[in-house]
């Protein structure tokens, strides 16, 4: 079968869809990627995948979306795929409508989270809910990465037939690694005995950076490693001034985009993700597989992943005091960090093994 996988950024194709494309090709299918042009598409192209660059805008912009829709429609008419598999809210909506308009035999969608659950004006939330409801009418196979989103899809009648496929990472890639730990900590000049707290995410407000930087003020025994960058398509204020005035001095280490995330996670002591909104974050799975205790917001997504008091600590979103207390508790207790990390890795291997997740996804797609 010819299968077209569509997402909204080169980052998402590289880190989320490429493993699925590899597995689909291993089953004998012609897997084609579609995403906006970007440096990270070269990874897929270097592996022999054909990747078509089309424009997408990650905000409500009728003019830009119309251009994206026309490009998708022309692409599907030219390629004549057997299956189109869409991802992410706006690109997923446009893709499904265009695929149906182009006469694609089967249209699938994986929901990675709903825009109407994000803080926004009521009119925006209603519009994005309507977008999801209409999109559901053009979907043959509807998948979600979280149980919470599947429940919501059924309750709001976005789609009646919903399957949960989850997210997954490779336990052979993400795992405790003493050699990597020593190497990374030396390269970052992290003093012996200092607790390293790491966050891996895009540099946007919704990931909870203001609260995290405030919380770090009262966890003086730890330093913060920030891994990630702001994407060109990200909205909201630039956080650079916030980091520059954090007052953490040498305890704040801005590492940017890294390809060696497994080694960095293996070198850290605590993983934190104080987001305001998530689907089912891959980085939490990566941290659990790396043997790290996880401090995350008590919101849908992380709430399914983290067992409070067992594999980590959940805190109310946008609550710097609760976040500081959780980080301080783990920073002061190597024993808790070790036990939670061990439990977290065992849970991640059971629930979030990439091979099992991808096989389940391909099976639901009929590939």
Foldseek 3Di string as FASTA:
>chain_A
DEEEEEDEALVCCLPPVLVLQVVVVVVPYQYEYEYADDPSVVVVVVVPHHYHHAHDAPDDDVVRLVRRLVVLLVVCLVVVGQEYEYEDQSRLLSNLVSCVVSPRNAYEYEYFFFPLPDDDDPVVSVVSVVSLLVSLVSHDAYEYQFPVVVVVCCVSVSDPDYYHLHAADALVLAAADVVLLVVVCVVLVPDPPAAEEEEEDEPAPQQPVVLVLVLVVLQLSHAYEYEEYHDPNDDDDDCVVVVVPSPNVSSYHYDYHDPSVSSVLNNHQAYEGLGPDGRQDPVLLSNLSHLFQYEYACDGRVVVQHDDQQQHHYDHHPDSVRVSVRVNVSSVDSPSGNRNSVRSSVSSVVPHHRVSSSVVVCVSVVD
